[in-house]
């Protein structure tokens, strides 16, 4: 069992009970998005008689896989003032290298806070979700479900600040997939000193007020047996044990890491559907507080060679000696072309 799997299994009982909802959906019958004005990358849009529409979730996942495979070997080529070339893989947040990096940095966050606060380190994990079905019980477009989930974020963050006013604390929020591919969010809250579940009721309330499709039944502090449900609280324990905060950061990033070395197209089907939604929208899947982000930064390894490097282009096959295609530097991060959905155009009369 990999380290990420071990972390995941030790925290699985702490997941929101809705994690398996609608796992048997037929994604080929679900449009990625339907609402006019929704902005998506051009790859998942098409022109119809009504205007601009989004493809279905299955096709979007297939197109994501094709894009991923085409990008995997591409390298960015840089050149210094001496004319020396160097190449590195195109930045891609779906690669196993990136996912393992996120996993490692999540663990670094916990180590840093444990060194800073010692036995006073306590954590709470909040799980927030939004409905994946409409009023008739039909699967919703996943992009719109994600939009609803995200609508409460600023209110949730403000509520956390009020609840933990005058306390030392940090957070790490990560979007993760249900077994259906629909999205929920885990918010790991790291606090100096004890906390109790009931303290976070105002945070849950903020989500319920600001997420239009969040249900109260799925956001209870305690289940029918009186066990912690939507909010789980833990205190620091010895690293040899698995019931303390040492595993929270690892759990939060476990879905991202998966099996070590697995390509995005080798991940389970529901994770690939989740990736397709993130790819189509450009949404980032983790949000650290400022202090958490500082602790997650890798240490300076002193590898600066003193040269000034600038981007020359890309090597589609990974070998700069074979072919280099010149591109503008901003095209690496900001070159994704997007379109807005529009289905309010009048259909032309029949011939």
C-alpha atoms as a PDB file:
ATOM      1  CA  UNK A   1       0.000   0.000   0.000  1.00  0.00           C
ATOM      2  CA  UNK A   2       1.404   3.396  -0.988  1.00  0.00           C
ATOM      3  CA  UNK A   3       1.841   6.210   1.532  1.00  0.00           C
ATOM      4  CA  UNK A   4      -1.020   8.129  -0.052  1.00  0.00           C
ATOM      5  CA  UNK A   5      -3.301   5.078   0.107  1.00  0.00           C
ATOM      6  CA  UNK A   6      -2.411   4.559   3.775  1.00  0.00           C
ATOM      7  CA  UNK A   7      -3.250   8.171   4.534  1.00  0.00           C
ATOM      8  CA  UNK A   8      -6.491   7.862   2.609  1.00  0.00           C
ATOM      9  CA  UNK A   9      -7.613   4.681   4.367  1.00  0.00           C
ATOM     10  CA  UNK A  10      -6.940   6.166   7.801  1.00  0.00           C
ATOM     11  CA  UNK A  11      -9.162   9.131   7.021  1.00  0.00           C
ATOM     12  CA  UNK A  12     -11.835   7.443   4.864  1.00  0.00           C
ATOM     13  CA  UNK A  13     -14.209   7.146   7.790  1.00  0.00           C
ATOM     14  CA  UNK A  14     -13.941  10.895   8.146  1.00  0.00           C
ATOM     15  CA  UNK A  15     -15.252  11.596   4.643  1.00  0.00           C
ATOM     16  CA  UNK A  16     -18.645  13.117   4.023  1.00  0.00           C
ATOM     17  CA  UNK A  17     -21.238  10.390   3.697  1.00  0.00           C
ATOM     18  CA  UNK A  18     -22.199  11.753   0.264  1.00  0.00           C
ATOM     19  CA  UNK A  19     -18.851  10.735  -1.238  1.00  0.00           C
ATOM     20  CA  UNK A  20     -20.420   7.871  -3.184  1.00  0.00           C
ATOM     21  CA  UNK A  21     -23.450   9.691  -4.490  1.00  0.00           C
ATOM     22  CA  UNK A  22     -24.636   8.871  -8.010  1.00  0.00           C
ATOM     23  CA  UNK A  23     -21.594   6.757  -8.813  1.00  0.00           C
ATOM     24  CA  UNK A  24     -23.551   4.885 -11.484  1.00  0.00           C
ATOM     25  CA  UNK A  25     -24.485   7.879 -13.639  1.00  0.00           C
ATOM     26  CA  UNK A  26     -24.283   7.679 -17.425  1.00  0.00           C
ATOM     27  CA  UNK A  27     -21.939  10.601 -18.114  1.00  0.00           C
ATOM     28  CA  UNK A  28     -22.667  10.414 -21.849  1.00  0.00           C
ATOM     29  CA  UNK A  29     -26.162  11.762 -21.129  1.00  0.00           C
ATOM     30  CA  UNK A  30     -24.927  14.700 -19.033  1.00  0.00           C
ATOM     31  CA  UNK A  31     -23.910  17.963 -20.683  1.00  0.00           C
ATOM     32  CA  UNK A  32     -20.800  19.534 -19.203  1.00  0.00           C
ATOM     33  CA  UNK A  33     -22.725  22.803 -18.823  1.00  0.00           C
ATOM     34  CA  UNK A  34     -25.938  24.311 -20.162  1.00  0.00           C
ATOM     35  CA  UNK A  35     -26.326  27.787 -18.709  1.00  0.00           C
ATOM     36  CA  UNK A  36     -25.794  30.704 -21.089  1.00  0.00           C
ATOM     37  CA  UNK A  37     -22.743  32.793 -20.274  1.00  0.00           C
ATOM     38  CA  UNK A  38     -20.750  29.866 -18.859  1.00  0.00           C
ATOM     39  CA  UNK A  39     -17.119  30.203 -19.960  1.00  0.00           C
ATOM     40  CA  UNK A  40     -15.292  27.023 -20.953  1.00  0.00           C
ATOM     41  CA  UNK A  41     -12.183  26.200 -22.899  1.00  0.00           C
ATOM     42  CA  UNK A  42     -12.839  26.034 -26.615  1.00  0.00           C
ATOM     43  CA  UNK A  43     -12.016  22.307 -26.760  1.00  0.00           C
ATOM     44  CA  UNK A  44     -15.312  21.385 -25.066  1.00  0.00           C
ATOM     45  CA  UNK A  45     -17.617  23.712 -27.016  1.00  0.00           C
ATOM     46  CA  UNK A  46     -19.339  23.364 -30.390  1.00  0.00           C
ATOM     47  CA  UNK A  47     -21.515  25.479 -32.652  1.00  0.00           C
ATOM     48  CA  UNK A  48     -25.140  24.450 -33.016  1.00  0.00           C
ATOM     49  CA  UNK A  49     -28.201  25.967 -34.675  1.00  0.00           C
ATOM     50  CA  UNK A  50     -29.021  27.544 -31.310  1.00  0.00           C
ATOM     51  CA  UNK A  51     -25.581  29.022 -30.684  1.00  0.00           C
ATOM     52  CA  UNK A  52     -22.594  27.745 -28.678  1.00  0.00           C
ATOM     53  CA  UNK A  53     -23.088  24.614 -26.571  1.00  0.00           C
ATOM     54  CA  UNK A  54     -20.987  22.297 -24.410  1.00  0.00           C
ATOM     55  CA  UNK A  55     -20.296  18.657 -25.236  1.00  0.00           C
ATOM     56  CA  UNK A  56     -21.312  15.823 -22.900  1.00  0.00           C
ATOM     57  CA  UNK A  57     -19.217  14.759 -19.913  1.00  0.00           C
ATOM     58  CA  UNK A  58     -17.979  11.518 -21.460  1.00  0.00           C
ATOM     59  CA  UNK A  59     -16.748  13.244 -24.609  1.00  0.00           C
ATOM     60  CA  UNK A  60     -15.149  16.005 -22.532  1.00  0.00           C
ATOM     61  CA  UNK A  61     -13.271  13.353 -20.555  1.00  0.00           C
ATOM     62  CA  UNK A  62     -12.073  11.723 -23.765  1.00  0.00           C
ATOM     63  CA  UNK A  63     -10.894  15.077 -25.129  1.00  0.00           C
ATOM     64  CA  UNK A  64      -9.096  15.775 -21.872  1.00  0.00           C
ATOM     65  CA  UNK A  65      -7.301  12.440 -22.211  1.00  0.00           C
ATOM     66  CA  UNK A  66      -6.277  13.201 -25.796  1.00  0.00           C
ATOM     67  CA  UNK A  67      -5.022  16.644 -24.753  1.00  0.00           C
ATOM     68  CA  UNK A  68      -3.114  15.166 -21.827  1.00  0.00           C
ATOM     69  CA  UNK A  69      -1.391  12.558 -23.992  1.00  0.00           C
ATOM     70  CA  UNK A  70      -0.430  15.171 -26.576  1.00  0.00           C
ATOM     71  CA  UNK A  71       1.027  17.444 -23.886  1.00  0.00           C
ATOM     72  CA  UNK A  72       2.898  14.784 -21.934  1.00  0.00           C
ATOM     73  CA  UNK A  73       6.027  14.740 -24.086  1.00  0.00           C
ATOM     74  CA  UNK A  74       6.062  18.459 -24.851  1.00  0.00           C
ATOM     75  CA  UNK A  75       8.869  20.396 -23.201  1.00  0.00           C
ATOM     76  CA  UNK A  76       9.523  24.086 -22.685  1.00  0.00           C
ATOM     77  CA  UNK A  77      12.875  25.092 -24.178  1.00  0.00           C
ATOM     78  CA  UNK A  78      14.889  27.902 -22.570  1.00  0.00           C
ATOM     79  CA  UNK A  79      18.172  29.486 -23.617  1.00  0.00           C
ATOM     80  CA  UNK A  80      20.740  31.502 -21.686  1.00  0.00           C
ATOM     81  CA  UNK A  81      23.007  34.342 -22.832  1.00  0.00           C
ATOM     82  CA  UNK A  82      25.683  31.806 -23.822  1.00  0.00           C
ATOM     83  CA  UNK A  83      23.339  30.106 -26.263  1.00  0.00           C
ATOM     84  CA  UNK A  84      22.990  26.999 -24.075  1.00  0.00           C
ATOM     85  CA  UNK A  85      19.657  25.196 -24.222  1.00  0.00           C
ATOM     86  CA  UNK A  86      17.728  23.481 -21.475  1.00  0.00           C
ATOM     87  CA  UNK A  87      14.316  21.790 -21.588  1.00  0.00           C
ATOM     88  CA  UNK A  88      11.734  20.825 -18.990  1.00  0.00           C
ATOM     89  CA  UNK A  89       8.241  19.383 -19.091  1.00  0.00           C
ATOM     90  CA  UNK A  90       5.336  21.701 -19.771  1.00  0.00           C
ATOM     91  CA  UNK A  91       3.660  22.758 -16.511  1.00  0.00           C
ATOM     92  CA  UNK A  92       0.646  20.484 -16.124  1.00  0.00           C
ATOM     93  CA  UNK A  93      -1.231  20.082 -12.860  1.00  0.00           C
ATOM     94  CA  UNK A  94      -2.625  16.681 -13.859  1.00  0.00           C
ATOM     95  CA  UNK A  95       0.739  14.907 -14.109  1.00  0.00           C
ATOM     96  CA  UNK A  96       1.842  12.462 -11.399  1.00  0.00           C
ATOM     97  CA  UNK A  97       4.875  14.656 -10.694  1.00  0.00           C
ATOM     98  CA  UNK A  98       2.664  17.644  -9.894  1.00  0.00           C
ATOM     99  CA  UNK A  99       0.256  15.568  -7.827  1.00  0.00           C
ATOM    100  CA  UNK A 100       3.061  14.022  -5.800  1.00  0.00           C
ATOM    101  CA  UNK A 101       4.509  17.506  -5.281  1.00  0.00           C
ATOM    102  CA  UNK A 102       1.177  18.701  -3.887  1.00  0.00           C
ATOM    103  CA  UNK A 103       1.025  15.664  -1.618  1.00  0.00           C
ATOM    104  CA  UNK A 104       4.538  16.319  -0.308  1.00  0.00           C
ATOM    105  CA  UNK A 105       3.821  19.997   0.300  1.00  0.00           C
ATOM    106  CA  UNK A 106       0.661  19.130   2.226  1.00  0.00           C
ATOM    107  CA  UNK A 107       2.785  17.014   4.531  1.00  0.00           C
ATOM    108  CA  UNK A 108       5.339  19.830   4.792  1.00  0.00           C
ATOM    109  CA  UNK A 109       2.543  22.121   5.965  1.00  0.00           C
ATOM    110  CA  UNK A 110       1.727  19.805   8.851  1.00  0.00           C
ATOM    111  CA  UNK A 111       5.382  19.320   9.799  1.00  0.00           C
ATOM    112  CA  UNK A 112       5.906  23.072   9.852  1.00  0.00           C
ATOM    113  CA  UNK A 113       2.874  23.690  12.038  1.00  0.00           C
ATOM    114  CA  UNK A 114       3.801  20.847  14.373  1.00  0.00           C
ATOM    115  CA  UNK A 115       7.260  22.375  14.799  1.00  0.00           C
ATOM    116  CA  UNK A 116       5.679  25.766  15.415  1.00  0.00           C
ATOM    117  CA  UNK A 117       2.866  24.793  17.803  1.00  0.00           C
ATOM    118  CA  UNK A 118       3.885  21.364  19.122  1.00  0.00           C
ATOM    119  CA  UNK A 119       1.175  19.561  21.089  1.00  0.00           C
ATOM    120  CA  UNK A 120      -1.104  22.586  20.813  1.00  0.00           C
ATOM    121  CA  UNK A 121      -1.736  21.757  17.164  1.00  0.00           C
ATOM    122  CA  UNK A 122      -5.373  20.755  16.571  1.00  0.00           C
ATOM    123  CA  UNK A 123      -7.274  20.335  13.332  1.00  0.00           C
ATOM    124  CA  UNK A 124     -10.795  20.407  12.015  1.00  0.00           C
ATOM    125  CA  UNK A 125     -11.855  19.058   8.635  1.00  0.00           C
ATOM    126  CA  UNK A 126     -14.991  20.555   7.109  1.00  0.00           C
ATOM    127  CA  UNK A 127     -16.693  18.847   4.170  1.00  0.00           C
ATOM    128  CA  UNK A 128     -18.968  20.970   1.984  1.00  0.00           C
ATOM    129  CA  UNK A 129     -20.964  19.782  -0.983  1.00  0.00           C
ATOM    130  CA  UNK A 130     -23.665  20.837  -3.452  1.00  0.00           C
ATOM    131  CA  UNK A 131     -26.424  18.792  -5.005  1.00  0.00           C
ATOM    132  CA  UNK A 132     -25.519  16.785  -8.103  1.00  0.00           C
ATOM    133  CA  UNK A 133     -29.185  16.319  -9.104  1.00  0.00           C
ATOM    134  CA  UNK A 134     -31.995  18.685 -10.068  1.00  0.00           C
ATOM    135  CA  UNK A 135     -35.476  18.806  -8.561  1.00  0.00           C
ATOM    136  CA  UNK A 136     -36.497  15.816 -10.678  1.00  0.00           C
ATOM    137  CA  UNK A 137     -33.540  13.726  -9.563  1.00  0.00           C
ATOM    138  CA  UNK A 138     -31.684  14.009 -12.868  1.00  0.00           C
ATOM    139  CA  UNK A 139     -27.883  14.524 -12.950  1.00  0.00           C
ATOM    140  CA  UNK A 140     -26.906  18.180 -13.188  1.00  0.00           C
ATOM    141  CA  UNK A 141     -24.207  19.585 -15.496  1.00  0.00           C
ATOM    142  CA  UNK A 142     -21.001  19.138 -13.437  1.00  0.00           C
ATOM    143  CA  UNK A 143     -19.671  22.616 -14.245  1.00  0.00           C
ATOM    144  CA  UNK A 144     -22.808  24.159 -12.761  1.00  0.00           C
ATOM    145  CA  UNK A 145     -22.592  21.937  -9.684  1.00  0.00           C
ATOM    146  CA  UNK A 146     -19.001  23.144  -9.201  1.00  0.00           C
ATOM    147  CA  UNK A 147     -20.108  26.763  -9.684  1.00  0.00           C
ATOM    148  CA  UNK A 148     -22.733  26.394  -6.941  1.00  0.00           C
ATOM    149  CA  UNK A 149     -20.213  24.783  -4.600  1.00  0.00           C
ATOM    150  CA  UNK A 150     -17.743  27.605  -5.171  1.00  0.00           C
ATOM    151  CA  UNK A 151     -20.349  30.329  -4.653  1.00  0.00           C
ATOM    152  CA  UNK A 152     -20.063  30.107  -0.865  1.00  0.00           C
ATOM    153  CA  UNK A 153     -16.272  30.273  -0.626  1.00  0.00           C
ATOM    154  CA  UNK A 154     -15.821  33.919   0.380  1.00  0.00           C
ATOM    155  CA  UNK A 155     -18.644  33.701   2.930  1.00  0.00           C
ATOM    156  CA  UNK A 156     -17.149  30.498   4.355  1.00  0.00           C
ATOM    157  CA  UNK A 157     -13.710  32.067   4.620  1.00  0.00           C
ATOM    158  CA  UNK A 158     -15.121  35.138   6.412  1.00  0.00           C
ATOM    159  CA  UNK A 159     -17.062  32.913   8.807  1.00  0.00           C
ATOM    160  CA  UNK A 160     -13.893  30.969   9.624  1.00  0.00           C
ATOM    161  CA  UNK A 161     -12.117  34.240  10.392  1.00  0.00           C
ATOM    162  CA  UNK A 162     -14.882  35.254  12.797  1.00  0.00           C
ATOM    163  CA  UNK A 163     -15.029  31.841  14.484  1.00  0.00           C
ATOM    164  CA  UNK A 164     -11.249  31.778  15.006  1.00  0.00           C
ATOM    165  CA  UNK A 165     -10.769  35.469  15.743  1.00  0.00           C
ATOM    166  CA  UNK A 166      -7.765  36.101  18.023  1.00  0.00           C
ATOM    167  CA  UNK A 167      -6.523  32.536  17.417  1.00  0.00           C
ATOM    168  CA  UNK A 168      -3.494  31.387  15.405  1.00  0.00           C
ATOM    169  CA  UNK A 169      -4.743  29.245  12.525  1.00  0.00           C
ATOM    170  CA  UNK A 170      -4.226  28.318   8.870  1.00  0.00           C
ATOM    171  CA  UNK A 171      -6.275  26.440   6.298  1.00  0.00           C
ATOM    172  CA  UNK A 172      -5.899  24.297   3.201  1.00  0.00           C
ATOM    173  CA  UNK A 173      -8.978  23.738   1.024  1.00  0.00           C
ATOM    174  CA  UNK A 174      -8.921  21.072  -1.685  1.00  0.00           C
ATOM    175  CA  UNK A 175     -11.562  20.143  -4.249  1.00  0.00           C
ATOM    176  CA  UNK A 176     -12.034  16.383  -4.562  1.00  0.00           C
ATOM    177  CA  UNK A 177     -14.352  14.098  -6.539  1.00  0.00           C
ATOM    178  CA  UNK A 178     -17.237  12.019  -5.299  1.00  0.00           C
ATOM    179  CA  UNK A 179     -17.407   8.507  -6.745  1.00  0.00           C
ATOM    180  CA  UNK A 180     -19.556  10.064  -9.461  1.00  0.00           C
ATOM    181  CA  UNK A 181     -16.976  12.673 -10.511  1.00  0.00           C
ATOM    182  CA  UNK A 182     -19.023  15.510  -9.031  1.00  0.00           C
ATOM    183  CA  UNK A 183     -17.081  17.768  -6.684  1.00  0.00           C
ATOM    184  CA  UNK A 184     -17.008  18.416  -2.952  1.00  0.00           C
ATOM    185  CA  UNK A 185     -14.552  20.490  -0.942  1.00  0.00           C
ATOM    186  CA  UNK A 186     -12.563  19.498   2.139  1.00  0.00           C
ATOM    187  CA  UNK A 187     -11.259  22.378   4.247  1.00  0.00           C
ATOM    188  CA  UNK A 188      -8.465  21.409   6.599  1.00  0.00           C
ATOM    189  CA  UNK A 189      -8.282  23.973   9.415  1.00  0.00           C
ATOM    190  CA  UNK A 190      -5.115  23.950  11.545  1.00  0.00           C
ATOM    191  CA  UNK A 191      -5.464  25.716  14.906  1.00  0.00           C
ATOM    192  CA  UNK A 192      -3.185  26.461  17.826  1.00  0.00           C
ATOM    193  CA  UNK A 193      -5.143  25.127  20.781  1.00  0.00           C
ATOM    194  CA  UNK A 194      -8.299  23.034  21.191  1.00  0.00           C
ATOM    195  CA  UNK A 195     -11.415  23.415  19.059  1.00  0.00           C
ATOM    196  CA  UNK A 196     -14.788  21.684  19.206  1.00  0.00           C
ATOM    197  CA  UNK A 197     -17.197  20.698  16.465  1.00  0.00           C
ATOM    198  CA  UNK A 198     -19.937  23.127  17.535  1.00  0.00           C
ATOM    199  CA  UNK A 199     -17.646  26.119  16.977  1.00  0.00           C
ATOM    200  CA  UNK A 200     -17.898  25.593  13.225  1.00  0.00           C
ATOM    201  CA  UNK A 201     -21.701  25.722  12.922  1.00  0.00           C
ATOM    202  CA  UNK A 202     -21.535  29.370  11.672  1.00  0.00           C
ATOM    203  CA  UNK A 203     -19.183  28.220   8.894  1.00  0.00           C
ATOM    204  CA  UNK A 204     -21.596  25.486   7.810  1.00  0.00           C
ATOM    205  CA  UNK A 205     -24.449  27.995   7.969  1.00  0.00           C
ATOM    206  CA  UNK A 206     -22.502  30.383   5.725  1.00  0.00           C
ATOM    207  CA  UNK A 207     -22.187  27.621   3.130  1.00  0.00           C
ATOM    208  CA  UNK A 208     -25.888  26.764   3.352  1.00  0.00           C
ATOM    209  CA  UNK A 209     -26.869  30.412   2.898  1.00  0.00           C
ATOM    210  CA  UNK A 210     -24.578  31.063  -0.051  1.00  0.00           C
ATOM    211  CA  UNK A 211     -24.540  27.774  -1.981  1.00  0.00           C
ATOM    212  CA  UNK A 212     -27.889  27.632  -3.826  1.00  0.00           C
ATOM    213  CA  UNK A 213     -27.990  23.825  -3.960  1.00  0.00           C
ATOM    214  CA  UNK A 214     -26.508  22.850  -0.586  1.00  0.00           C
ATOM    215  CA  UNK A 215     -28.860  20.690   1.490  1.00  0.00           C
ATOM    216  CA  UNK A 216     -29.106  20.871   5.271  1.00  0.00           C
ATOM    217  CA  UNK A 217     -29.398  17.089   5.546  1.00  0.00           C
ATOM    218  CA  UNK A 218     -25.942  16.654   4.002  1.00  0.00           C
ATOM    219  CA  UNK A 219     -24.402  19.243   6.331  1.00  0.00           C
ATOM    220  CA  UNK A 220     -25.255  18.069   9.845  1.00  0.00           C
ATOM    221  CA  UNK A 221     -22.589  18.395  12.524  1.00  0.00           C
ATOM    222  CA  UNK A 222     -23.508  14.963  13.913  1.00  0.00           C
ATOM    223  CA  UNK A 223     -25.101  11.897  12.335  1.00  0.00           C
ATOM    224  CA  UNK A 224     -28.037   9.900  13.739  1.00  0.00           C
ATOM    225  CA  UNK A 225     -25.679   7.993  16.034  1.00  0.00           C
ATOM    226  CA  UNK A 226     -24.215  11.178  17.490  1.00  0.00           C
ATOM    227  CA  UNK A 227     -20.909  10.779  15.641  1.00  0.00           C
ATOM    228  CA  UNK A 228     -19.074  13.721  14.052  1.00  0.00           C
ATOM    229  CA  UNK A 229     -20.172  14.117  10.451  1.00  0.00           C
ATOM    230  CA  UNK A 230     -19.648  17.294   8.395  1.00  0.00           C
ATOM    231  CA  UNK A 231     -16.968  18.583  10.781  1.00  0.00           C
ATOM    232  CA  UNK A 232     -14.260  16.345  12.257  1.00  0.00           C
ATOM    233  CA  UNK A 233     -11.932  17.563  14.993  1.00  0.00           C
ATOM    234  CA  UNK A 234      -8.591  16.007  15.927  1.00  0.00           C
ATOM    235  CA  UNK A 235      -5.688  16.895  18.192  1.00  0.00           C
ATOM    236  CA  UNK A 236      -1.984  16.311  17.673  1.00  0.00           C
ATOM    237  CA  UNK A 237      -0.645  12.835  18.368  1.00  0.00           C
ATOM    238  CA  UNK A 238       2.658  11.044  18.129  1.00  0.00           C
ATOM    239  CA  UNK A 239       3.739  10.506  14.467  1.00  0.00           C
ATOM    240  CA  UNK A 240       3.645   6.729  15.019  1.00  0.00           C
ATOM    241  CA  UNK A 241      -0.138   6.861  15.450  1.00  0.00           C
ATOM    242  CA  UNK A 242      -2.679   7.364  12.669  1.00  0.00           C
ATOM    243  CA  UNK A 243      -5.489   9.046  14.614  1.00  0.00           C
ATOM    244  CA  UNK A 244      -4.016  12.523  14.807  1.00  0.00           C
ATOM    245  CA  UNK A 245      -3.438  15.492  12.560  1.00  0.00           C
ATOM    246  CA  UNK A 246      -0.343  13.958  10.943  1.00  0.00           C
ATOM    247  CA  UNK A 247      -2.585  12.363   8.336  1.00  0.00           C
ATOM    248  CA  UNK A 248      -4.921  15.258   7.557  1.00  0.00           C
ATOM    249  CA  UNK A 249      -2.754  16.972   4.959  1.00  0.00           C
ATOM    250  CA  UNK A 250      -1.934  13.614   3.416  1.00  0.00           C
ATOM    251  CA  UNK A 251      -5.622  12.762   3.234  1.00  0.00           C
ATOM    252  CA  UNK A 252      -6.456  16.096   1.641  1.00  0.00           C
ATOM    253  CA  UNK A 253      -3.970  15.443  -1.162  1.00  0.00           C
ATOM    254  CA  UNK A 254      -4.418  11.675  -1.479  1.00  0.00           C
ATOM    255  CA  UNK A 255      -6.916  11.869  -4.329  1.00  0.00           C
ATOM    256  CA  UNK A 256      -4.501  14.110  -6.178  1.00  0.00           C
ATOM    257  CA  UNK A 257      -1.548  11.776  -5.716  1.00  0.00           C
ATOM    258  CA  UNK A 258      -3.245   8.446  -6.420  1.00  0.00           C
ATOM    259  CA  UNK A 259      -0.933   5.515  -7.049  1.00  0.00           C
ATOM    260  CA  UNK A 260       2.636   6.729  -7.369  1.00  0.00           C
ATOM    261  CA  UNK A 261       3.480   7.427 -11.001  1.00  0.00           C
ATOM    262  CA  UNK A 262      -0.044   6.948 -12.384  1.00  0.00           C
ATOM    263  CA  UNK A 263      -0.761   9.099 -15.408  1.00  0.00           C
ATOM    264  CA  UNK A 264      -3.973  11.120 -15.401  1.00  0.00           C
ATOM    265  CA  UNK A 265      -5.438   8.764 -18.003  1.00  0.00           C
ATOM    266  CA  UNK A 266      -4.734   5.784 -15.725  1.00  0.00           C
ATOM    267  CA  UNK A 267      -6.692   7.179 -12.796  1.00  0.00           C
ATOM    268  CA  UNK A 268     -10.183   5.779 -11.951  1.00  0.00           C
ATOM    269  CA  UNK A 269     -12.997   6.857 -14.263  1.00  0.00           C
ATOM    270  CA  UNK A 270     -14.600   9.218 -11.734  1.00  0.00           C
ATOM    271  CA  UNK A 271     -11.253  10.974 -11.142  1.00  0.00           C
ATOM    272  CA  UNK A 272     -10.778  11.414 -14.893  1.00  0.00           C
ATOM    273  CA  UNK A 273     -14.264  12.954 -15.117  1.00  0.00           C
ATOM    274  CA  UNK A 274     -13.280  15.298 -12.288  1.00  0.00           C
ATOM    275  CA  UNK A 275     -10.087  16.219 -14.131  1.00  0.00           C
ATOM    276  CA  UNK A 276     -12.120  16.957 -17.268  1.00  0.00           C
ATOM    277  CA  UNK A 277     -14.247  19.461 -15.334  1.00  0.00           C
ATOM    278  CA  UNK A 278     -11.189  21.156 -13.840  1.00  0.00           C
ATOM    279  CA  UNK A 279      -9.508  21.244 -17.257  1.00  0.00           C
ATOM    280  CA  UNK A 280     -12.577  22.656 -19.000  1.00  0.00           C
ATOM    281  CA  UNK A 281     -13.056  25.420 -16.432  1.00  0.00           C
ATOM    282  CA  UNK A 282      -9.435  26.180 -15.509  1.00  0.00           C
ATOM    283  CA  UNK A 283     -10.441  25.953 -11.843  1.00  0.00           C
ATOM    284  CA  UNK A 284      -7.639  25.475  -9.306  1.00  0.00           C
ATOM    285  CA  UNK A 285      -8.284  22.595  -6.956  1.00  0.00           C
ATOM    286  CA  UNK A 286      -6.475  23.743  -3.832  1.00  0.00           C
ATOM    287  CA  UNK A 287      -6.497  26.985  -1.848  1.00  0.00           C
ATOM    288  CA  UNK A 288      -4.050  27.497   1.012  1.00  0.00           C
ATOM    289  CA  UNK A 289      -4.104  30.411   3.430  1.00  0.00           C
ATOM    290  CA  UNK A 290      -1.169  32.796   3.094  1.00  0.00           C
ATOM    291  CA  UNK A 291       0.638  31.249   6.041  1.00  0.00           C
ATOM    292  CA  UNK A 292      -0.021  27.727   4.785  1.00  0.00           C
ATOM    293  CA  UNK A 293       1.320  28.640   1.363  1.00  0.00           C
ATOM    294  CA  UNK A 294       4.558  29.876   2.888  1.00  0.00           C
ATOM    295  CA  UNK A 295       5.033  26.601   4.758  1.00  0.00           C
ATOM    296  CA  UNK A 296       4.276  24.618   1.602  1.00  0.00           C
ATOM    297  CA  UNK A 297       7.021  26.297  -0.401  1.00  0.00           C
ATOM    298  CA  UNK A 298      10.063  24.091  -1.070  1.00  0.00           C
ATOM    299  CA  UNK A 299      13.345  25.223   0.511  1.00  0.00           C
ATOM    300  CA  UNK A 300      15.889  26.999  -1.633  1.00  0.00           C
ATOM    301  CA  UNK A 301      18.232  24.275  -2.880  1.00  0.00           C
ATOM    302  CA  UNK A 302      20.867  26.724  -4.083  1.00  0.00           C
ATOM    303  CA  UNK A 303      20.803  25.495  -7.695  1.00  0.00           C
ATOM    304  CA  UNK A 304      20.757  28.955  -9.313  1.00  0.00           C
ATOM    305  CA  UNK A 305      23.556  28.861 -11.902  1.00  0.00           C
ATOM    306  CA  UNK A 306      23.839  32.629 -12.202  1.00  0.00           C
ATOM    307  CA  UNK A 307      22.715  32.749 -15.864  1.00  0.00           C
ATOM    308  CA  UNK A 308      19.752  34.636 -17.274  1.00  0.00           C
ATOM    309  CA  UNK A 309      17.373  32.283 -19.064  1.00  0.00           C
ATOM    310  CA  UNK A 310      14.540  33.150 -21.418  1.00  0.00           C
ATOM    311  CA  UNK A 311      11.965  30.972 -23.102  1.00  0.00           C
ATOM    312  CA  UNK A 312      12.768  30.033 -26.680  1.00  0.00           C
ATOM    313  CA  UNK A 313       9.768  27.859 -27.546  1.00  0.00           C
ATOM    314  CA  UNK A 314       8.452  24.311 -27.159  1.00  0.00           C
ATOM    315  CA  UNK A 315       9.770  20.943 -28.284  1.00  0.00           C
ATOM    316  CA  UNK A 316       6.643  18.895 -29.189  1.00  0.00           C
ATOM    317  CA  UNK A 317       8.487  15.556 -29.008  1.00  0.00           C
ATOM    318  CA  UNK A 318      10.558  16.510 -25.982  1.00  0.00           C
ATOM    319  CA  UNK A 319      13.848  16.815 -27.876  1.00  0.00           C
ATOM    320  CA  UNK A 320      15.013  20.410 -28.531  1.00  0.00           C
ATOM    321  CA  UNK A 321      17.631  19.071 -30.953  1.00  0.00           C
ATOM    322  CA  UNK A 322      14.868  17.796 -33.278  1.00  0.00           C
ATOM    323  CA  UNK A 323      12.317  20.627 -33.426  1.00  0.00           C
ATOM    324  CA  UNK A 324      11.593  23.863 -31.579  1.00  0.00           C
ATOM    325  CA  UNK A 325       8.377  25.790 -32.189  1.00  0.00           C
ATOM    326  CA  UNK A 326       8.675  29.430 -31.172  1.00  0.00           C
ATOM    327  CA  UNK A 327       5.801  30.703 -29.021  1.00  0.00           C
ATOM    328  CA  UNK A 328       5.082  33.773 -26.951  1.00  0.00           C
ATOM    329  CA  UNK A 329       5.904  33.272 -23.241  1.00  0.00           C
ATOM    330  CA  UNK A 330       2.378  34.176 -22.139  1.00  0.00           C
ATOM    331  CA  UNK A 331       0.984  31.329 -24.263  1.00  0.00           C
ATOM    332  CA  UNK A 332       2.242  28.768 -21.740  1.00  0.00           C
ATOM    333  CA  UNK A 333      -0.157  29.841 -18.993  1.00  0.00           C
ATOM    334  CA  UNK A 334      -2.609  32.208 -20.615  1.00  0.00           C
ATOM    335  CA  UNK A 335      -2.922  30.831 -24.101  1.00  0.00           C
ATOM    336  CA  UNK A 336      -6.061  28.736 -23.536  1.00  0.00           C
ATOM    337  CA  UNK A 337      -8.842  29.928 -25.811  1.00  0.00           C
ATOM    338  CA  UNK A 338     -12.271  30.028 -24.204  1.00  0.00           C
ATOM    339  CA  UNK A 339     -15.847  30.500 -25.347  1.00  0.00           C
ATOM    340  CA  UNK A 340     -19.101  31.459 -23.659  1.00  0.00           C
ATOM    341  CA  UNK A 341     -22.163  29.291 -24.042  1.00  0.00           C
ATOM    342  CA  UNK A 342     -25.066  30.867 -25.860  1.00  0.00           C
ATOM    343  CA  UNK A 343     -28.265  29.041 -26.699  1.00  0.00           C
ATOM    344  CA  UNK A 344     -30.658  31.967 -27.106  1.00  0.00           C
ATOM    345  CA  UNK A 345     -30.094  32.443 -30.844  1.00  0.00           C
ATOM    346  CA  UNK A 346     -33.140  31.939 -33.017  1.00  0.00           C
ATOM    347  CA  UNK A 347     -33.127  28.765 -35.057  1.00  0.00           C
ATOM    348  CA  UNK A 348     -33.216  29.605 -38.771  1.00  0.00           C
ATOM    349  CA  UNK A 349     -36.417  28.643 -40.586  1.00  0.00           C
ATOM    350  CA  UNK A 350     -36.398  25.337 -42.491  1.00  0.00           C
ATOM    351  CA  UNK A 351     -35.662  25.439 -46.214  1.00  0.00           C
END
